[in-house]
Amino acid sequence: MPIEQICTIVEAAKLNEYAYSFTLEVGDMVSRHGLKAGQFLHIACGEGLLLRRPISVCLAGQDEPQDLARVVFEVRGEGTKWLAQRQVGDKVNVLGPLGNGFSITADDRLLLVGGGIGVPPLLGQAAYTAKKATAVLGFRSADRAMLVDDYQDYCADVYLCSDDGSLGRHGFVDTQLRDILEKDKNFTAVLACGPKPMLKNVAKVAAEFGVPCQVSLEERMACGVGACLGCAVQMADGTMKHVCKDGPVFDAKEVDWNV
């Protein structure tokens, strides 16, 4: 059951020209309500804006005097522009925990594949598995890169890709994923987050090598609790599910990738 809470910003950083990282005091959302990376918080962004903005949780942990959650977001409109202007000590109205995260254990050997703003939600999975994960991170260009140092701290290996070749390998993450699996497919699962075309390709490659795949879908959300039907997606069995309530994480085999 999500709760509404006024949360204090205790750390704030600009990661690049577009992305920001905030660490929030979130009361007992972690210890009592089970908040974890891969879920999201619905944050009110200014008094004049009706709809909250869904921001994925990057890291979450128990702490004193309050639990902490780190969120990373890009400025995409008026709401996130307002949020980016907040400072340490400012307070924001937060609804959470919302959505379902990844299903993993601390002993899993994971292959993490993130694209753009899909990179932050996977960081908590890298931290949880403590140097067992391999990460493939894709960005449009070098100036869009974020959290690379964090991933290098938590992962056994980190591969970088960029659309324009200005960072790491020139090309898309699914090509790098294929190269890794051709050499070693002994992974517990592929976890992916990013644009839907990227996720479709990642799911296809994982299936070819017989590695289970979980995907975190990015859809526009309004209510965040499954009431408005705005983030409905079609499943392979013909049913409709809501990214905010039933996801954002799904087994890749559940999703109808052809709509």
Protein backbone atom coordinates (compact mmCIF):
# COMPACT_ATOMS: atom_id res chain seq x y z
CA MET A 1 0.00 0.00 0.00
CA PRO A 2 1.65 3.27 -1.09
CA ILE A 3 1.88 6.08 1.40
CA GLU A 4 2.09 9.84 0.92
CA GLN A 5 4.99 11.48 2.68
CA ILE A 6 6.90 14.74 2.82
CA CYS A 7 10.54 13.84 2.10
CA THR A 8 13.67 15.93 2.63
CA ILE A 9 16.41 16.11 0.00
CA VAL A 10 19.70 15.27 1.73
CA GLU A 11 21.95 15.01 -1.35
CA ALA A 12 21.61 16.67 -4.75
CA ALA A 13 23.92 16.44 -7.75
CA LYS A 14 23.87 17.30 -11.45
CA LEU A 15 25.15 14.25 -13.34
CA ASN A 16 25.31 15.85 -16.78
CA GLU A 17 23.58 18.63 -18.70
CA TYR A 18 20.29 16.74 -18.56
CA ALA A 19 20.28 14.41 -15.53
CA TYR A 20 20.04 14.97 -11.79
CA SER A 21 20.47 12.73 -8.74
CA PHE A 22 18.64 13.29 -5.46
CA THR A 23 18.86 11.28 -2.26
CA LEU A 24 15.70 11.56 -0.17
CA GLU A 25 14.86 10.76 3.42
CA VAL A 26 11.79 8.54 2.96
CA GLY A 27 10.73 7.71 6.52
CA ASP A 28 10.28 3.95 6.86
CA MET A 29 9.47 3.21 3.22
CA VAL A 30 12.37 0.75 2.99
CA SER A 31 12.25 -0.94 6.40
CA ARG A 32 8.47 -1.13 6.73
CA HIS A 33 7.05 -0.84 3.21
CA GLY A 34 9.77 -2.68 1.26
CA LEU A 35 10.85 0.05 -1.13
CA LYS A 36 13.63 -1.19 -3.41
CA ALA A 37 15.49 -0.18 -6.54
CA GLY A 38 13.47 -0.79 -9.69
CA GLN A 39 10.25 0.49 -8.13
CA PHE A 40 9.33 4.15 -8.45
CA LEU A 41 8.19 7.15 -6.46
CA HIS A 42 5.44 9.51 -7.63
CA ILE A 43 6.69 13.02 -6.85
CA ALA A 44 4.59 16.20 -6.84
CA CYS A 45 6.47 18.79 -8.90
CA GLY A 46 5.17 22.28 -8.12
CA GLU A 47 1.86 23.58 -6.88
CA GLY A 48 0.58 24.52 -10.33
CA LEU A 49 1.13 21.09 -11.89
CA LEU A 50 -1.67 18.60 -11.28
CA LEU A 51 0.03 15.34 -12.19
CA ARG A 52 2.91 13.85 -10.23
CA ARG A 53 6.04 12.64 -12.00
CA PRO A 54 7.09 8.97 -11.75
CA ILE A 55 10.79 8.75 -10.87
CA SER A 56 12.53 5.35 -10.69
CA VAL A 57 14.40 4.39 -7.54
CA CYS A 58 18.11 3.94 -8.18
CA LEU A 59 19.21 2.80 -4.69
CA ALA A 60 17.29 2.27 -1.45
CA GLY A 61 18.44 1.35 2.03
CA GLN A 62 17.60 1.44 5.71
CA ASP A 63 19.21 4.25 7.63
CA GLU A 64 18.81 6.51 10.66
CA PRO A 65 16.96 8.69 11.42
CA GLN A 66 15.10 7.83 8.21
CA ASP A 67 15.51 5.37 5.35
CA LEU A 68 17.15 6.72 2.19
CA ALA A 69 16.22 6.44 -1.49
CA ARG A 70 18.23 7.76 -4.42
CA VAL A 71 16.38 8.85 -7.55
CA VAL A 72 17.87 9.89 -10.89
CA PHE A 73 15.88 11.71 -13.57
CA GLU A 74 16.28 13.78 -16.71
CA VAL A 75 14.58 17.11 -17.33
CA ARG A 76 11.84 16.35 -19.86
CA GLY A 77 9.24 19.08 -19.16
CA GLU A 78 7.97 21.63 -16.70
CA GLY A 79 7.58 19.15 -13.84
CA THR A 80 11.08 17.72 -13.95
CA LYS A 81 12.47 21.21 -14.61
CA TRP A 82 10.89 22.34 -11.34
CA LEU A 83 12.23 19.27 -9.54
CA ALA A 84 15.76 19.85 -10.86
CA GLN A 85 15.79 23.27 -9.22
CA ARG A 86 15.31 21.85 -5.70
CA GLN A 87 18.24 22.02 -3.29
CA VAL A 88 19.52 20.08 -0.28
CA GLY A 89 17.14 20.72 2.61
CA ASP A 90 14.10 21.26 0.37
CA LYS A 91 11.09 19.02 0.87
CA VAL A 92 9.01 17.22 -1.74
CA ASN A 93 5.68 15.41 -1.56
CA VAL A 94 6.20 11.75 -2.43
CA LEU A 95 3.82 8.84 -2.99
CA GLY A 96 5.35 5.36 -2.78
CA PRO A 97 6.47 2.66 -2.97
CA LEU A 98 4.85 2.07 -6.36
CA GLY A 99 5.23 -0.68 -8.93
CA ASN A 100 7.06 -3.99 -8.78
CA GLY A 101 10.82 -4.33 -9.03
CA PHE A 102 13.08 -7.08 -10.36
CA SER A 103 12.99 -10.61 -8.93
CA ILE A 104 16.57 -11.46 -8.00
CA THR A 105 18.67 -12.91 -5.18
CA ALA A 106 22.03 -11.73 -3.85
CA ASP A 107 23.73 -14.80 -5.35
CA ASP A 108 22.51 -14.20 -8.91
CA ARG A 109 24.96 -13.54 -11.71
CA LEU A 110 23.16 -10.85 -13.67
CA LEU A 111 23.68 -9.25 -17.06
CA LEU A 112 22.33 -5.70 -16.76
CA VAL A 113 21.42 -3.78 -19.92
CA GLY A 114 20.41 -0.14 -19.61
CA GLY A 115 19.71 2.52 -22.18
CA GLY A 116 19.61 6.24 -21.38
CA ILE A 117 17.36 7.00 -18.42
CA GLY A 118 16.90 3.22 -18.14
CA VAL A 119 20.40 3.02 -16.64
CA PRO A 120 19.57 4.26 -13.08
CA PRO A 121 16.97 1.62 -12.05
CA LEU A 122 19.48 -1.19 -12.65
CA LEU A 123 22.15 0.22 -10.34
CA GLY A 124 20.46 -1.17 -7.24
CA GLN A 125 20.55 -4.66 -8.76
CA ALA A 126 24.30 -4.29 -9.29
CA ALA A 127 24.78 -3.15 -5.71
CA TYR A 128 22.65 -5.99 -4.33
CA THR A 129 24.63 -8.70 -6.11
CA ALA A 130 28.02 -7.21 -5.10
CA LYS A 131 30.49 -7.57 -7.99
CA LYS A 132 28.71 -10.54 -9.60
CA ALA A 133 26.91 -8.52 -12.28
CA THR A 134 28.06 -7.43 -15.72
CA ALA A 135 26.60 -4.18 -17.09
CA VAL A 136 26.06 -2.91 -20.62
CA LEU A 137 25.22 0.80 -20.59
CA GLY A 138 24.09 2.65 -23.69
CA PHE A 139 23.76 6.40 -24.23
CA ARG A 140 23.04 8.66 -27.19
CA SER A 141 26.43 10.32 -26.77
CA ALA A 142 29.20 10.84 -24.24
CA ASP A 143 27.57 13.97 -22.82
CA ARG A 144 24.51 11.90 -21.83
CA ALA A 145 26.48 9.33 -19.81
CA MET A 146 25.65 8.92 -16.13
CA LEU A 147 26.49 6.66 -13.16
CA VAL A 148 29.39 4.95 -14.96
CA ASP A 149 31.68 5.23 -11.92
CA ASP A 150 28.93 3.81 -9.69
CA TYR A 151 28.50 0.80 -11.95
CA GLN A 152 32.25 0.21 -12.00
CA ASP A 153 32.20 0.15 -8.20
CA TYR A 154 29.44 -2.47 -8.06
CA CYS A 155 29.98 -4.64 -11.17
CA ALA A 156 32.53 -7.21 -12.28
CA ASP A 157 32.60 -5.71 -15.80
CA VAL A 158 31.08 -2.63 -17.44
CA TYR A 159 30.69 -2.16 -21.20
CA LEU A 160 29.79 1.23 -22.67
CA CYS A 161 28.02 1.94 -25.95
CA SER A 162 26.90 5.13 -27.67
CA ASP A 163 24.75 5.85 -30.70
CA ASP A 164 27.30 8.26 -32.16
CA GLY A 165 30.50 6.49 -31.14
CA SER A 166 31.64 9.25 -28.78
CA LEU A 167 31.74 6.84 -25.81
CA GLY A 168 32.76 3.19 -25.78
CA ARG A 169 31.48 1.01 -28.60
CA HIS A 170 29.75 2.66 -31.55
CA GLY A 171 26.35 1.03 -31.77
CA PHE A 172 23.44 -0.37 -29.80
CA VAL A 173 23.49 -2.36 -26.58
CA ASP A 174 21.96 -5.51 -28.09
CA THR A 175 25.04 -6.00 -30.28
CA GLN A 176 27.29 -5.86 -27.23
CA LEU A 177 24.89 -8.17 -25.38
CA ARG A 178 25.13 -10.74 -28.17
CA ASP A 179 28.93 -10.64 -28.10
CA ILE A 180 28.96 -11.27 -24.34
CA LEU A 181 26.49 -14.16 -24.50
CA GLU A 182 28.35 -15.79 -27.38
CA LYS A 183 31.36 -16.10 -25.08
CA ASP A 184 29.52 -16.76 -21.81
CA LYS A 185 25.81 -17.44 -21.36
CA ASN A 186 26.11 -18.63 -17.77
CA PHE A 187 24.01 -15.78 -16.37
CA THR A 188 21.05 -16.16 -14.03
CA ALA A 189 19.12 -13.52 -15.96
CA VAL A 190 19.29 -10.52 -18.23
CA LEU A 191 17.69 -7.44 -16.66
CA ALA A 192 16.95 -4.55 -19.02
CA CYS A 193 15.51 -1.06 -18.81
CA GLY A 194 15.22 1.51 -21.57
CA PRO A 195 13.16 2.45 -24.64
CA LYS A 196 10.80 -0.23 -25.90
CA PRO A 197 12.62 -0.85 -29.24
CA MET A 198 15.81 -1.50 -27.25
CA LEU A 199 13.99 -3.84 -24.88
CA LYS A 200 12.49 -5.77 -27.78
CA ASN A 201 15.94 -6.39 -29.24
CA VAL A 202 17.44 -7.31 -25.87
CA ALA A 203 14.61 -9.75 -25.17
CA LYS A 204 15.15 -11.37 -28.57
CA VAL A 205 18.89 -11.85 -28.00
CA ALA A 206 18.38 -13.23 -24.48
CA ALA A 207 15.81 -15.72 -25.79
CA GLU A 208 18.20 -16.90 -28.53
CA PHE A 209 20.74 -17.85 -25.87
CA GLY A 210 18.18 -19.29 -23.46
CA VAL A 211 18.81 -16.75 -20.71
CA PRO A 212 15.73 -15.58 -18.73
CA CYS A 213 15.00 -11.89 -19.26
CA GLN A 214 13.17 -9.32 -17.16
CA VAL A 215 12.34 -5.92 -18.64
CA SER A 216 11.35 -2.66 -17.01
CA LEU A 217 8.98 -0.82 -19.34
CA GLU A 218 8.95 2.94 -19.75
CA GLU A 219 5.46 4.36 -20.32
CA ARG A 220 3.83 7.72 -19.64
CA MET A 221 1.96 7.58 -16.33
CA ALA A 222 -0.65 9.85 -14.80
CA CYS A 223 -2.16 8.39 -11.62
CA GLY A 224 0.58 5.87 -10.81
CA VAL A 225 -1.83 3.39 -9.21
CA GLY A 226 -3.60 1.77 -12.18
CA ALA A 227 -6.77 3.87 -12.10
CA CYS A 228 -6.42 6.07 -15.18
CA LEU A 229 -5.46 3.34 -17.70
CA GLY A 230 -2.89 5.67 -19.27
CA CYS A 231 0.03 3.23 -19.10
CA ALA A 232 -1.73 0.09 -20.32
CA VAL A 233 0.38 -2.30 -22.41
CA GLN A 234 -0.64 -5.42 -24.31
CA MET A 235 0.63 -8.79 -23.16
CA ALA A 236 1.45 -11.78 -25.34
CA ASP A 237 -1.70 -13.58 -24.16
CA GLY A 238 -3.91 -10.71 -25.37
CA THR A 239 -4.60 -9.19 -21.96
CA MET A 240 -3.78 -5.64 -20.96
CA LYS A 241 -1.67 -4.76 -17.93
CA HIS A 242 -0.65 -1.47 -16.37
CA VAL A 243 3.01 -0.53 -16.13
CA CYS A 244 2.46 1.45 -12.92
CA LYS A 245 0.60 -1.28 -11.03
CA ASP A 246 1.52 -4.62 -12.64
CA GLY A 247 5.05 -3.52 -13.62
CA PRO A 248 7.16 -1.71 -14.44
CA VAL A 249 9.08 -5.02 -14.45
CA PHE A 250 7.75 -7.92 -16.52
CA ASP A 251 9.09 -11.23 -17.74
CA ALA A 252 10.08 -10.46 -21.33
CA LYS A 253 8.01 -13.45 -22.52
CA GLU A 254 4.86 -11.80 -21.13
CA VAL A 255 5.08 -8.74 -23.35
CA ASP A 256 3.61 -8.48 -26.87
CA TRP A 257 6.55 -6.89 -28.69
CA ASN A 258 4.66 -6.58 -31.98
CA VAL A 259 2.24 -3.78 -31.01
